[in-house]
Protein backbone atom coordinates (compact mmCIF):
# COMPACT_ATOMS: atom_id res chain seq x y z
CA UNK A 1 76.40 78.35 126.44
CA UNK A 2 76.98 79.39 122.81
CA UNK A 3 78.89 77.06 120.64
CA UNK A 4 81.77 79.56 120.10
CA UNK A 5 82.05 79.95 124.00
CA UNK A 6 81.92 76.22 124.40
CA UNK A 7 84.77 75.71 121.95
CA UNK A 8 86.95 78.26 123.67
CA UNK A 9 86.20 76.77 127.00
CA UNK A 10 87.54 73.40 125.64
CA UNK A 11 90.93 75.18 124.74
CA UNK A 12 90.70 77.46 121.75
CA UNK A 13 91.29 76.64 118.12
CA UNK A 14 92.59 73.18 118.60
CA UNK A 15 89.25 72.33 120.29
CA UNK A 16 87.31 74.06 117.64
CA UNK A 17 88.74 71.88 114.87
CA UNK A 18 88.33 68.79 116.97
CA UNK A 19 84.56 69.50 117.41
CA UNK A 20 84.27 70.13 113.77
CA UNK A 21 85.71 66.63 113.04
CA UNK A 22 83.34 65.13 115.52
CA UNK A 23 80.28 66.98 114.18
CA UNK A 24 80.82 66.32 110.49
CA UNK A 25 80.09 62.89 109.04
CA UNK A 26 81.37 63.78 105.52
CA UNK A 27 84.52 65.56 104.36
CA UNK A 28 84.95 69.08 105.39
CA UNK A 29 87.71 71.64 104.70
CA UNK A 30 89.10 73.65 107.61
CA UNK A 31 90.34 77.20 107.22
CA UNK A 32 91.69 79.31 110.01
CA UNK A 33 92.21 83.01 109.86
CA UNK A 34 94.67 85.12 111.99
CA UNK A 35 93.41 88.71 112.20
CA UNK A 36 95.62 91.43 113.37
CA UNK A 37 92.79 93.42 114.63
CA UNK A 38 90.42 93.74 117.57
CA UNK A 39 87.16 91.67 117.25
CA UNK A 40 85.35 94.93 117.82
CA UNK A 41 86.83 96.54 114.79
CA UNK A 42 83.87 96.77 112.45
CA UNK A 43 85.86 97.44 109.28
CA UNK A 44 87.95 94.22 109.97
CA UNK A 45 84.81 92.33 110.55
CA UNK A 46 83.35 93.62 107.31
CA UNK A 47 86.55 92.35 105.45
CA UNK A 48 86.36 88.90 107.11
CA UNK A 49 82.64 88.78 106.10
CA UNK A 50 83.61 89.71 102.56
CA UNK A 51 85.94 86.60 102.52
CA UNK A 52 83.42 84.25 103.87
CA UNK A 53 80.77 85.56 101.49
CA UNK A 54 82.95 85.18 98.49
CA UNK A 55 83.89 81.60 99.63
CA UNK A 56 80.14 81.06 99.62
CA UNK A 57 79.89 82.16 95.98
CA UNK A 58 82.61 79.76 95.07
CA UNK A 59 80.79 76.83 96.41
CA UNK A 60 82.03 76.74 100.09
CA UNK A 61 79.16 76.53 102.65
CA UNK A 62 79.80 76.69 106.34
CA UNK A 63 78.63 73.66 108.04
CA UNK A 64 78.40 71.65 104.77
CA UNK A 65 81.81 71.43 103.31
CA UNK A 66 83.69 74.22 105.11
CA UNK A 67 84.48 75.42 108.63
CA UNK A 68 86.19 78.72 109.10
CA UNK A 69 87.16 80.36 112.35
CA UNK A 70 88.98 83.74 112.82
CA UNK A 71 91.35 84.44 115.80
CA UNK A 72 91.27 88.13 116.64
CA UNK A 73 94.76 88.84 117.93
CA UNK A 74 94.72 92.65 117.70
CA UNK A 75 98.15 94.17 117.00
CA UNK A 76 99.74 92.85 120.17
CA UNK A 77 102.70 90.65 119.41
CA UNK A 78 102.30 88.22 122.19
CA UNK A 79 98.69 87.53 121.24
CA UNK A 80 99.58 87.23 117.54
CA UNK A 81 102.31 84.73 118.46
CA UNK A 82 100.09 82.72 120.65
CA UNK A 83 97.36 82.44 118.20
CA UNK A 84 99.65 81.51 115.49
CA UNK A 85 101.01 78.59 117.57
CA UNK A 86 97.43 77.52 118.29
CA UNK A 87 96.30 77.69 114.70
CA UNK A 88 99.34 75.83 113.28
CA UNK A 89 99.00 73.09 116.07
CA UNK A 90 95.45 72.61 114.87
CA UNK A 91 96.61 71.78 111.31
CA UNK A 92 93.78 73.47 109.10
CA UNK A 93 93.94 73.01 105.42
CA UNK A 94 94.61 76.62 104.90
CA UNK A 95 95.35 79.73 107.10
CA UNK A 96 94.34 83.21 105.98
CA UNK A 97 96.71 86.00 107.36
CA UNK A 98 95.53 89.58 107.48
CA UNK A 99 98.87 91.53 107.89
CA UNK A 100 102.49 91.52 107.89
CA UNK A 101 102.96 90.76 111.56
CA UNK A 102 100.43 88.09 111.38
CA UNK A 103 102.07 86.34 108.29
CA UNK A 104 105.49 86.72 110.06
CA UNK A 105 104.35 84.86 113.09
CA UNK A 106 102.62 82.10 111.29
CA UNK A 107 105.75 81.37 108.99
CA UNK A 108 107.85 81.07 112.23
CA UNK A 109 105.56 78.18 113.03
CA UNK A 110 105.05 76.38 109.83
CA UNK A 111 106.59 76.09 106.39
CA UNK A 112 104.12 73.47 105.06
CA UNK A 113 100.50 74.58 105.83
CA UNK A 114 99.36 76.81 103.03
CA UNK A 115 99.17 80.50 103.96
CA UNK A 116 97.25 83.12 102.10
CA UNK A 117 97.97 86.72 103.22
CA UNK A 118 95.36 89.42 102.43
CA UNK A 119 97.31 92.78 102.98
CA UNK A 120 101.02 92.66 103.07
CA UNK A 121 103.23 95.67 102.04
CA UNK A 122 106.49 93.86 100.95
CA UNK A 123 106.37 89.99 100.94
CA UNK A 124 109.68 89.71 99.23
CA UNK A 125 111.47 92.07 101.54
CA UNK A 126 109.79 90.34 104.48
CA UNK A 127 111.05 86.99 103.31
CA UNK A 128 107.64 85.46 102.96
CA UNK A 129 108.07 84.71 99.31
CA UNK A 130 111.01 84.29 96.99
CA UNK A 131 109.48 86.52 94.23
CA UNK A 132 106.19 87.87 93.36
CA UNK A 133 105.54 85.68 90.22
CA UNK A 134 106.94 82.56 91.91
CA UNK A 135 106.44 82.67 95.67
CA UNK A 136 108.17 79.33 96.11
CA UNK A 137 107.15 78.34 99.53
CA UNK A 138 103.94 77.80 101.54
CA UNK A 139 102.66 81.48 101.48
CA UNK A 140 101.21 83.69 98.65
CA UNK A 141 98.64 86.40 98.61
CA UNK A 142 98.03 90.01 97.93
CA UNK A 143 99.87 93.26 98.35
CA UNK A 144 97.92 96.14 100.07
CA UNK A 145 99.75 99.34 99.19
CA UNK A 146 103.30 100.09 97.79
CA UNK A 147 105.81 102.36 99.35
CA UNK A 148 105.42 104.89 96.43
CA UNK A 149 102.14 105.68 97.84
CA UNK A 150 103.76 107.87 100.51
CA UNK A 151 104.60 110.41 97.81
CA UNK A 152 101.01 110.39 96.49
CA UNK A 153 99.59 110.95 99.97
CA UNK A 154 101.71 113.99 100.55
CA UNK A 155 100.75 115.45 96.98
CA UNK A 156 97.01 114.95 97.67
CA UNK A 157 97.50 116.57 101.18
CA UNK A 158 99.12 119.53 99.68
CA UNK A 159 96.33 120.09 97.27
CA UNK A 160 93.76 120.32 99.86
CA UNK A 161 96.13 122.14 102.45
CA UNK A 162 98.58 124.14 100.38
CA UNK A 163 99.71 126.00 103.46
CA UNK A 164 101.40 122.81 104.90
CA UNK A 165 105.14 123.33 105.35
CA UNK A 166 105.91 120.49 107.65
CA UNK A 167 104.64 116.97 107.01
CA UNK A 168 104.73 114.57 109.88
CA UNK A 169 104.75 110.79 109.06
CA UNK A 170 103.26 108.74 111.92
CA UNK A 171 104.12 105.05 112.05
CA UNK A 172 104.65 102.30 114.59
CA UNK A 173 108.02 100.50 113.99
CA UNK A 174 106.84 97.33 115.63
CA UNK A 175 103.88 96.81 113.30
CA UNK A 176 105.34 98.55 110.19
CA UNK A 177 108.76 96.81 109.91
CA UNK A 178 109.03 97.88 106.33
CA UNK A 179 108.80 101.70 107.07
CA UNK A 180 111.57 102.64 105.00
CA UNK A 181 109.85 101.44 101.92
CA UNK A 182 107.38 104.35 102.49
CA UNK A 183 109.90 106.82 104.15
CA UNK A 184 112.15 107.04 101.26
CA UNK A 185 109.37 108.07 98.77
CA UNK A 186 108.09 110.40 101.43
CA UNK A 187 111.39 112.23 101.86
CA UNK A 188 111.77 112.56 98.13
CA UNK A 189 108.28 114.01 97.69
CA UNK A 190 108.87 116.44 100.62
CA UNK A 191 111.96 117.60 98.91
CA UNK A 192 110.30 118.26 95.62
CA UNK A 193 107.36 120.05 97.20
CA UNK A 194 109.60 122.05 99.50
CA UNK A 195 108.12 120.60 102.64
CA UNK A 196 110.03 119.76 105.91
CA UNK A 197 109.63 115.95 106.41
CA UNK A 198 109.28 114.86 110.01
CA UNK A 199 109.19 111.22 111.15
CA UNK A 200 107.28 110.49 114.28
CA UNK A 201 107.57 106.75 115.31
CA UNK A 202 104.83 105.73 117.77
CA UNK A 203 105.18 102.73 119.98
CA UNK A 204 102.15 102.79 122.28
CA UNK A 205 98.74 104.47 122.16
CA UNK A 206 99.81 106.71 125.04
CA UNK A 207 102.35 108.46 122.72
CA UNK A 208 99.89 109.58 120.19
CA UNK A 209 98.46 112.64 121.97
CA UNK A 210 101.89 114.14 122.77
CA UNK A 211 103.31 113.39 119.37
CA UNK A 212 100.19 115.02 117.53
CA UNK A 213 99.96 117.77 120.05
CA UNK A 214 103.54 118.74 119.48
CA UNK A 215 103.06 119.43 115.78
CA UNK A 216 100.58 122.25 116.71
CA UNK A 217 103.26 124.07 118.45
CA UNK A 218 104.68 125.07 115.03
CA UNK A 219 102.47 126.47 112.27
CA UNK A 220 101.42 124.80 108.92
CA UNK A 221 101.80 121.20 109.96
CA UNK A 222 100.07 118.21 108.29
CA UNK A 223 99.94 114.53 109.16
CA UNK A 224 100.42 111.36 107.10
CA UNK A 225 99.38 108.08 108.79
CA UNK A 226 101.19 105.06 107.60
CA UNK A 227 99.26 101.77 107.02
CA UNK A 228 99.62 99.05 109.70
CA UNK A 229 97.49 97.22 112.24
CA UNK A 230 98.52 99.57 115.08
CA UNK A 231 97.43 102.73 113.30
CA UNK A 232 94.19 100.93 112.23
CA UNK A 233 93.36 99.89 115.70
CA UNK A 234 93.86 103.48 117.01
CA UNK A 235 91.99 105.09 114.16
CA UNK A 236 89.39 106.84 116.31
CA UNK A 237 91.95 108.36 118.62
CA UNK A 238 94.09 109.61 115.71
CA UNK A 239 91.23 111.18 113.81
CA UNK A 240 89.87 112.81 117.02
CA UNK A 241 93.42 114.26 117.95
CA UNK A 242 93.84 115.55 114.38
CA UNK A 243 90.52 117.21 114.65
CA UNK A 244 91.07 118.63 118.06
CA UNK A 245 94.46 120.22 117.00
CA UNK A 246 93.21 121.22 113.71
CA UNK A 247 95.89 119.44 111.76
CA UNK A 248 95.02 118.41 108.10
CA UNK A 249 95.73 114.73 107.68
CA UNK A 250 95.58 112.02 105.05
CA UNK A 251 95.03 108.35 105.97
CA UNK A 252 95.80 105.00 104.43
CA UNK A 253 92.28 103.53 104.78
CA UNK A 254 88.94 104.81 103.80
CA UNK A 255 87.28 104.14 107.19
CA UNK A 256 89.56 106.98 108.71
CA UNK A 257 87.54 109.42 106.40
CA UNK A 258 84.28 107.85 107.36
CA UNK A 259 84.74 108.53 111.01
CA UNK A 260 85.75 112.11 110.50
CA UNK A 261 89.29 112.01 108.98
CA UNK A 262 89.89 114.66 106.36
CA UNK A 263 90.83 112.32 103.47
CA UNK A 264 92.23 108.91 102.54
CA UNK A 265 93.69 107.12 99.61
CA UNK A 266 94.05 103.41 99.55
CA UNK A 267 93.34 100.32 97.85
CA UNK A 268 90.04 98.74 98.24
CA UNK A 269 90.68 96.46 101.27
CA UNK A 270 87.47 94.56 100.82
CA UNK A 271 88.58 93.59 97.37
CA UNK A 272 91.78 92.12 98.66
CA UNK A 273 89.89 89.84 101.00
CA UNK A 274 87.51 88.99 97.99
CA UNK A 275 90.52 87.87 95.86
CA UNK A 276 91.97 86.13 98.90
CA UNK A 277 88.99 83.82 98.85
CA UNK A 278 89.85 82.96 95.29
CA UNK A 279 93.26 81.64 96.40
CA UNK A 280 91.79 79.75 99.32
CA UNK A 281 89.42 78.12 96.93
CA UNK A 282 92.17 77.24 94.52
CA UNK A 283 94.36 75.81 97.42
CA UNK A 284 91.54 73.68 98.80
CA UNK A 285 91.03 72.31 95.29
CA UNK A 286 94.61 71.24 94.93
CA UNK A 287 96.77 74.23 93.97
CA UNK A 288 100.09 74.99 95.75
CA UNK A 289 100.88 78.35 97.15
CA UNK A 290 104.27 78.24 95.39
CA UNK A 291 102.41 78.23 92.08
CA UNK A 292 100.11 81.11 92.83
CA UNK A 293 101.77 84.55 92.08
CA UNK A 294 101.49 87.41 94.59
CA UNK A 295 99.19 90.01 93.25
CA UNK A 296 99.16 93.71 93.47
CA UNK A 297 96.08 95.78 94.20
CA UNK A 298 93.75 96.70 91.28
CA UNK A 299 91.13 98.93 92.92
CA UNK A 300 91.98 102.11 94.65
CA UNK A 301 89.74 104.69 96.42
CA UNK A 302 89.99 108.33 97.13
CA UNK A 303 87.76 109.49 100.03
CA UNK A 304 87.20 113.07 101.01
CA UNK A 305 85.30 114.39 104.07
CA UNK A 306 83.93 117.79 103.20
CA UNK A 307 82.51 118.38 106.65
CA UNK A 308 85.95 118.01 108.20
CA UNK A 309 87.40 120.17 105.29
CA UNK A 310 85.00 122.99 106.12
CA UNK A 311 85.61 122.73 109.81
CA UNK A 312 89.34 123.19 109.10
CA UNK A 313 88.66 126.19 106.69
CA UNK A 314 90.12 123.92 103.85
CA UNK A 315 89.10 124.23 100.24
CA UNK A 316 88.96 121.06 98.10
CA UNK A 317 89.56 121.69 94.46
CA UNK A 318 86.59 120.75 92.22
CA UNK A 319 88.82 118.37 90.18
CA UNK A 320 89.63 116.30 93.33
CA UNK A 321 85.94 116.14 94.23
CA UNK A 322 85.13 114.81 90.71
CA UNK A 323 87.93 112.19 91.03
CA UNK A 324 86.93 111.05 94.53
CA UNK A 325 85.24 107.79 94.91
CA UNK A 326 83.47 108.90 98.12
CA UNK A 327 82.69 112.42 99.14
CA UNK A 328 81.40 112.66 102.67
CA UNK A 329 79.11 115.83 103.26
């Protein structure tokens, strides 16, 4: 039996940390991670690997002075809550949280264990921190995308698909509780661009096909996919449906474009996890989360899939191709 399977057989995270204490003769720091993605999600695995690799560069070696374990909860609220309780009960030195739902679940369970969130949209509005410069509690971390990006997404989509007259905003209210921070800029941008704004809340994967198919019934529709763990976990289905119904779409994460989505504009997700490692390092060395300011993204990426554009008979302006960080042929 592999060590990971043995630990799970003993009762999950609590047993994992107990085994760590028994195995290590010297002091070791323990870090838990609550990931709001499926363990099969390769992009999420890459981000977690970036976190671990950066911790290594900062002097933290697994098995020597650090033990880190990820709980892959998907975007299911019940699983997130259950893993949050397990992690808090195990009392690690720091907990890394991937998303807004995972951070909310953890903060329901503890107000003393340090929490570093990697990609949260509005930590102040969510009640996670008192302010960005002075978080004030046991949580701090990094913002992924600001609501104003919704207007930028629509503007980019219109440059590639100028015939769009109806813009459909896809989001899941359960995993995107701060949707209004995106919807308000979306409505303003739609008004200025003479585009009809349509909001399409999706609560279950089974609702995606009819919601996207319905947009094909009327001409000149385009899609904007809001960031969130639900949309990330359904990326393959969403991209396939957009292609099948020939709907131009823009996505919040670059891996949508990599698997066939028309285009994406987002912050560098790996960079957020790289920076998250720096906060974990500082906390393990004695810093308090309340003293570490919440930081905004500093690296953004535009990805364009030319193959998809050609399949939809869309022309990408030369200027956009020059500005793009990634052009997929």
